[in-house]
Protein backbone atom coordinates (compact mmCIF):
# COMPACT_ATOMS: atom_id res chain seq x y z
CA UNK A 1 -15.06 32.42 -116.83
CA UNK A 2 -13.50 33.53 -113.37
CA UNK A 3 -10.22 32.32 -112.12
CA UNK A 4 -10.02 32.24 -108.31
CA UNK A 5 -6.66 31.91 -106.40
CA UNK A 6 -6.22 30.78 -102.82
CA UNK A 7 -3.60 29.54 -100.55
CA UNK A 8 -2.60 28.74 -97.05
CA UNK A 9 -6.26 27.34 -95.66
CA UNK A 10 -4.10 25.32 -93.17
CA UNK A 11 -6.94 23.02 -92.16
CA UNK A 12 -9.91 25.77 -91.72
CA UNK A 13 -12.32 24.05 -94.01
CA UNK A 14 -15.50 25.95 -92.66
CA UNK A 15 -14.25 29.08 -93.57
CA UNK A 16 -13.13 28.09 -97.19
CA UNK A 17 -16.78 26.69 -97.55
CA UNK A 18 -18.48 29.75 -96.49
CA UNK A 19 -16.20 31.67 -99.04
CA UNK A 20 -17.15 29.21 -102.06
CA UNK A 21 -20.84 29.29 -101.18
CA UNK A 22 -20.59 32.95 -101.48
CA UNK A 23 -18.87 32.97 -104.64
CA UNK A 24 -21.00 30.25 -106.04
CA UNK A 25 -18.97 28.95 -108.88
CA UNK A 26 -20.03 27.92 -112.30
CA UNK A 27 -18.67 24.72 -113.89
CA UNK A 28 -16.61 27.14 -116.14
CA UNK A 29 -14.64 28.69 -113.33
CA UNK A 30 -11.23 27.78 -112.27
CA UNK A 31 -9.69 27.58 -109.16
CA UNK A 32 -5.98 27.60 -108.09
CA UNK A 33 -4.71 26.61 -104.58
CA UNK A 34 -1.18 27.60 -104.06
CA UNK A 35 -0.74 24.91 -101.16
CA UNK A 36 -0.56 24.66 -97.44
CA UNK A 37 -4.12 23.00 -97.42
CA UNK A 38 -3.21 21.24 -94.37
CA UNK A 39 -1.68 21.10 -90.60
CA UNK A 40 -2.57 23.77 -87.85
CA UNK A 41 -6.26 23.98 -88.32
CA UNK A 42 -9.13 21.58 -86.96
CA UNK A 43 -9.96 19.95 -90.41
CA UNK A 44 -6.85 19.55 -92.71
CA UNK A 45 -7.94 16.67 -94.67
CA UNK A 46 -11.76 18.04 -95.06
CA UNK A 47 -9.79 21.10 -96.73
CA UNK A 48 -8.19 18.62 -99.10
CA UNK A 49 -11.65 17.26 -99.93
CA UNK A 50 -13.16 20.73 -100.60
CA UNK A 51 -10.30 21.39 -102.85
CA UNK A 52 -10.45 18.38 -104.85
CA UNK A 53 -14.18 18.82 -105.40
CA UNK A 54 -13.84 22.32 -106.97
CA UNK A 55 -14.30 22.82 -110.92
CA UNK A 56 -11.13 22.71 -112.92
CA UNK A 57 -8.76 23.16 -110.01
CA UNK A 58 -5.23 23.22 -109.83
CA UNK A 59 -3.43 22.24 -106.65
CA UNK A 60 0.10 23.34 -105.95
CA UNK A 61 2.39 21.74 -103.46
CA UNK A 62 3.26 23.93 -100.51
CA UNK A 63 6.03 23.37 -97.85
CA UNK A 64 3.62 21.63 -95.66
CA UNK A 65 2.43 19.12 -98.06
CA UNK A 66 6.20 18.52 -98.68
CA UNK A 67 6.63 18.04 -94.97
CA UNK A 68 3.75 15.61 -94.65
CA UNK A 69 4.55 13.55 -97.70
CA UNK A 70 8.20 13.15 -96.14
CA UNK A 71 6.92 12.03 -92.95
CA UNK A 72 4.24 9.71 -94.20
CA UNK A 73 6.56 8.16 -96.78
CA UNK A 74 9.07 6.93 -94.39
CA UNK A 75 7.65 5.92 -90.74
CA UNK A 76 11.33 5.48 -89.76
CA UNK A 77 12.61 8.86 -90.34
CA UNK A 78 11.83 10.62 -86.95
CA UNK A 79 13.53 13.73 -88.29
CA UNK A 80 10.84 14.49 -90.97
CA UNK A 81 8.16 13.71 -88.57
CA UNK A 82 9.42 15.77 -85.83
CA UNK A 83 9.62 18.66 -88.48
CA UNK A 84 6.49 18.10 -89.52
CA UNK A 85 4.87 17.92 -85.90
CA UNK A 86 6.71 21.15 -85.06
CA UNK A 87 5.09 23.04 -88.11
CA UNK A 88 1.72 22.02 -86.82
CA UNK A 89 1.29 18.67 -88.29
CA UNK A 90 -0.54 17.06 -85.25
CA UNK A 91 -3.91 18.42 -86.50
CA UNK A 92 -3.56 16.36 -89.83
CA UNK A 93 -1.72 13.38 -88.26
CA UNK A 94 -4.73 12.91 -85.70
CA UNK A 95 -7.23 12.77 -88.86
CA UNK A 96 -5.29 9.88 -90.30
CA UNK A 97 -5.31 8.00 -87.17
CA UNK A 98 -6.47 4.32 -88.37
CA UNK A 99 -5.52 4.79 -92.19
CA UNK A 100 -3.84 1.84 -93.64
CA UNK A 101 -0.29 1.68 -94.62
CA UNK A 102 -1.55 1.62 -98.42
CA UNK A 103 -3.83 4.57 -97.95
CA UNK A 104 -1.04 6.43 -96.49
CA UNK A 105 1.40 5.71 -98.88
CA UNK A 106 -1.15 6.76 -101.86
CA UNK A 107 -1.54 9.85 -99.90
CA UNK A 108 2.06 10.58 -99.71
CA UNK A 109 2.42 9.86 -103.24
CA UNK A 110 -0.20 12.04 -104.34
CA UNK A 111 1.33 15.08 -102.22
CA UNK A 112 4.79 14.23 -103.71
CA UNK A 113 3.17 14.57 -107.28
CA UNK A 114 1.60 18.02 -106.66
CA UNK A 115 3.01 20.56 -109.06
CA UNK A 116 5.10 23.14 -107.91
CA UNK A 117 4.11 25.92 -109.94
CA UNK A 118 1.57 27.03 -112.66
CA UNK A 119 1.81 29.78 -115.33
CA UNK A 120 -0.94 31.45 -117.19
CA UNK A 121 -1.28 34.57 -119.66
CA UNK A 122 -4.44 36.63 -119.20
CA UNK A 123 -5.18 39.64 -121.06
CA UNK A 124 -1.53 39.74 -122.42
CA UNK A 125 -0.12 39.79 -119.00
CA UNK A 126 2.08 36.45 -117.76
CA UNK A 127 1.76 35.09 -114.44
CA UNK A 128 3.57 32.81 -112.32
CA UNK A 129 2.07 31.29 -109.57
CA UNK A 130 3.76 29.15 -106.97
CA UNK A 131 3.51 28.85 -103.07
CA UNK A 132 6.55 30.81 -101.77
CA UNK A 133 8.07 32.87 -104.59
CA UNK A 134 11.20 32.77 -106.82
CA UNK A 135 14.84 33.52 -106.35
CA UNK A 136 15.82 36.47 -108.58
CA UNK A 137 18.80 36.21 -110.99
CA UNK A 138 18.90 32.38 -110.84
CA UNK A 139 16.78 31.85 -114.32
CA UNK A 140 17.81 33.69 -117.39
CA UNK A 141 14.97 36.03 -118.44
CA UNK A 142 13.70 35.19 -121.97
CA UNK A 143 13.23 37.94 -124.71
CA UNK A 144 9.55 36.87 -125.18
CA UNK A 145 7.22 35.71 -122.45
CA UNK A 146 4.94 32.53 -123.82
CA UNK A 147 3.52 29.70 -121.44
CA UNK A 148 6.87 27.72 -122.62
CA UNK A 149 9.20 30.38 -121.41
CA UNK A 150 7.20 30.94 -118.24
CA UNK A 151 7.49 27.18 -117.55
CA UNK A 152 11.15 27.04 -118.56
CA UNK A 153 11.83 30.35 -116.42
CA UNK A 154 10.26 28.65 -113.01
CA UNK A 155 11.70 25.19 -113.82
CA UNK A 156 15.26 26.68 -113.42
CA UNK A 157 14.31 27.41 -109.93
CA UNK A 158 15.21 25.50 -106.93
CA UNK A 159 12.45 23.59 -105.18
CA UNK A 160 13.41 24.74 -101.76
CA UNK A 161 12.81 28.26 -102.99
CA UNK A 162 9.53 27.52 -104.83
CA UNK A 163 8.17 26.15 -101.53
CA UNK A 164 10.23 27.95 -98.43
CA UNK A 165 11.86 31.36 -99.75
CA UNK A 166 10.69 34.27 -97.81
CA UNK A 167 13.14 37.43 -97.32
CA UNK A 168 15.05 36.79 -100.41
CA UNK A 169 11.84 37.30 -102.29
CA UNK A 170 10.05 40.01 -100.63
CA UNK A 171 12.83 42.03 -100.14
CA UNK A 172 13.96 42.69 -103.58
CA UNK A 173 12.48 43.11 -107.04
CA UNK A 174 12.22 40.17 -109.07
CA UNK A 175 13.84 41.59 -112.12
CA UNK A 176 11.05 40.48 -114.60
CA UNK A 177 9.09 43.57 -115.00
CA UNK A 178 10.72 45.75 -117.76
CA UNK A 179 10.70 49.53 -118.05
CA UNK A 180 7.29 50.00 -119.59
CA UNK A 181 5.90 47.72 -116.76
CA UNK A 182 5.61 44.51 -118.88
CA UNK A 183 6.44 41.16 -117.53
CA UNK A 184 5.29 38.47 -115.36
CA UNK A 185 3.55 38.87 -112.06
CA UNK A 186 4.59 36.26 -109.16
CA UNK A 187 1.29 35.35 -107.25
CA UNK A 188 2.42 33.42 -104.14
CA UNK A 189 1.40 32.73 -100.55
CA UNK A 190 3.69 31.27 -97.69
CA UNK A 191 4.37 34.72 -96.05
CA UNK A 192 2.01 36.23 -93.67
CA UNK A 193 1.12 39.90 -94.75
CA UNK A 194 2.16 41.14 -91.31
CA UNK A 195 5.54 39.62 -91.88
CA UNK A 196 6.34 41.60 -94.97
CA UNK A 197 6.56 44.95 -93.02
CA UNK A 198 9.55 43.46 -91.22
CA UNK A 199 11.48 42.21 -94.46
CA UNK A 200 10.91 45.64 -96.37
CA UNK A 201 9.02 43.90 -99.06
CA UNK A 202 9.70 45.46 -102.51
CA UNK A 203 6.40 47.25 -104.02
CA UNK A 204 6.33 45.31 -107.35
CA UNK A 205 7.14 41.47 -107.49
């Protein structure tokens, strides 16, 4: 069984399909999407459908799913709509043209209910998977890392940090790796790789 992690597809369903075809996953494989399936690209809702169809898939909420859900949940919230459109929501909104209020409500509730984090232990190495990152020093570090303590650690984080943090994550160590190199590895997306050079990203997170 293999586990594949990907993030920030942003409406590009065709390249996503090509990658999946090359992988040719088995029914035992697992996929974890770290969010930002929608907006900007030509086929945001197509990406959602492709991701939903993957075997044993875990779908996390990204900041773009959050913006989309807030805009769809309340048609009178002009600030939420403007924020979403400013960040590339127009491509997604175009695909939702003609959807009934009931379908839009169901979609917004589904987006709101996407989990913000996922934890795993592979070959004795613990992993924390989130969209944007974590804030160091907020959550107490447990003496032993298990699935339960990993989950408790992340649940102490602020939602905005899990979805939006950037410089405050990449510019400093997480403090989770001990002197022997043991501890959770944080896997995330959100921040474009070229941007990391400008924030002085730490080597180990």
